[in-house]
Protein backbone atom coordinates (compact mmCIF):
# COMPACT_ATOMS: atom_id res chain seq x y z
CA MET A 1 7.80 -9.39 -39.61
CA LEU A 2 9.07 -10.29 -36.14
CA ARG A 3 9.96 -7.32 -33.98
CA LEU A 4 12.15 -7.79 -30.90
CA MET A 5 11.03 -5.90 -27.86
CA ALA A 6 13.60 -3.60 -26.28
CA LEU A 7 13.99 -3.34 -22.53
CA THR A 8 12.49 0.14 -22.57
CA ASP A 9 9.31 -1.16 -24.30
CA SER A 10 8.22 -3.09 -21.20
CA ALA A 11 4.77 -2.46 -19.79
CA LEU A 12 6.15 -2.67 -16.26
CA ASP A 13 7.23 0.49 -14.51
CA PRO A 14 11.02 0.35 -13.91
CA VAL A 15 10.75 2.58 -10.83
CA ALA A 16 8.15 0.29 -9.29
CA LEU A 17 10.25 -2.76 -10.15
CA SER A 18 13.32 -1.32 -8.46
CA TYR A 19 11.21 -0.45 -5.40
CA VAL A 20 9.86 -4.01 -5.19
CA ARG A 21 13.35 -5.48 -5.62
CA ALA A 22 14.61 -3.25 -2.82
CA LEU A 23 11.80 -4.48 -0.57
CA LEU A 24 12.52 -8.12 -1.37
CA ARG A 25 16.27 -7.81 -0.83
CA PRO A 26 17.33 -9.37 2.50
CA ARG A 27 18.36 -6.84 5.08
CA GLU A 28 21.94 -6.63 6.22
CA ARG A 29 22.37 -7.46 9.85
CA ARG A 30 24.63 -5.01 11.60
CA GLN A 31 26.76 -6.38 14.39
CA LYS A 32 26.87 -4.38 17.58
CA MET A 33 30.36 -3.37 18.65
CA ALA A 34 29.83 -3.33 22.42
CA PRO A 35 29.91 -7.14 22.95
CA VAL A 36 32.94 -7.46 20.69
CA LEU A 37 34.85 -4.76 22.55
CA ALA A 38 33.83 -6.23 25.90
CA ALA A 39 35.13 -9.67 24.90
CA ALA A 40 38.40 -8.18 23.64
CA ALA A 41 38.85 -6.19 26.85
CA PHE A 42 38.14 -9.28 28.96
CA ALA A 43 40.70 -11.31 27.02
CA ALA A 44 43.30 -8.55 27.38
CA ILE A 45 42.72 -8.23 31.13
CA CYS A 46 42.97 -12.02 31.54
CA ALA A 47 46.22 -12.13 29.58
CA VAL A 48 47.82 -9.30 31.53
CA SER A 49 46.73 -10.69 34.89
CA PHE A 50 48.00 -14.18 34.00
CA ALA A 51 51.36 -12.74 32.92
CA THR A 52 51.57 -10.71 36.14
CA VAL A 53 50.85 -13.75 38.30
CA MET A 54 53.44 -15.81 36.42
CA VAL A 55 56.10 -13.14 37.00
CA LEU A 56 55.26 -12.46 40.65
CA ALA A 57 54.55 -16.04 41.78
CA PRO A 58 57.33 -17.77 43.71
CA ALA A 59 59.06 -20.72 42.14
CA THR A 60 57.46 -24.08 42.86
CA VAL A 61 60.81 -25.82 43.55
CA THR A 62 62.57 -24.17 46.47
CA GLN A 63 65.09 -26.88 47.35
CA HIS A 64 68.37 -26.77 45.52
CA ILE A 65 69.84 -29.97 44.15
CA PRO A 66 73.22 -30.81 45.71
CA ASN A 67 76.25 -30.63 43.42
CA ASP A 68 77.06 -34.35 43.85
CA ARG A 69 73.66 -35.29 42.41
CA LEU A 70 74.04 -33.04 39.36
CA GLY A 71 76.59 -35.38 37.85
């Protein structure tokens, strides 16, 4: 008579197997937040300074076009 083996009939220790699987699992790489925050702060400062310069800079064309040339 053929008897099927259940999962609990294994000769391997399930606790040891789970420990080995945990050791073989690739580690998760955690990303550091400091470089990300520094890059975001740099981008924000650049955007605000560019907007400020665009508002405060004088116009590039200072001569007015005469009315007879406007058409």
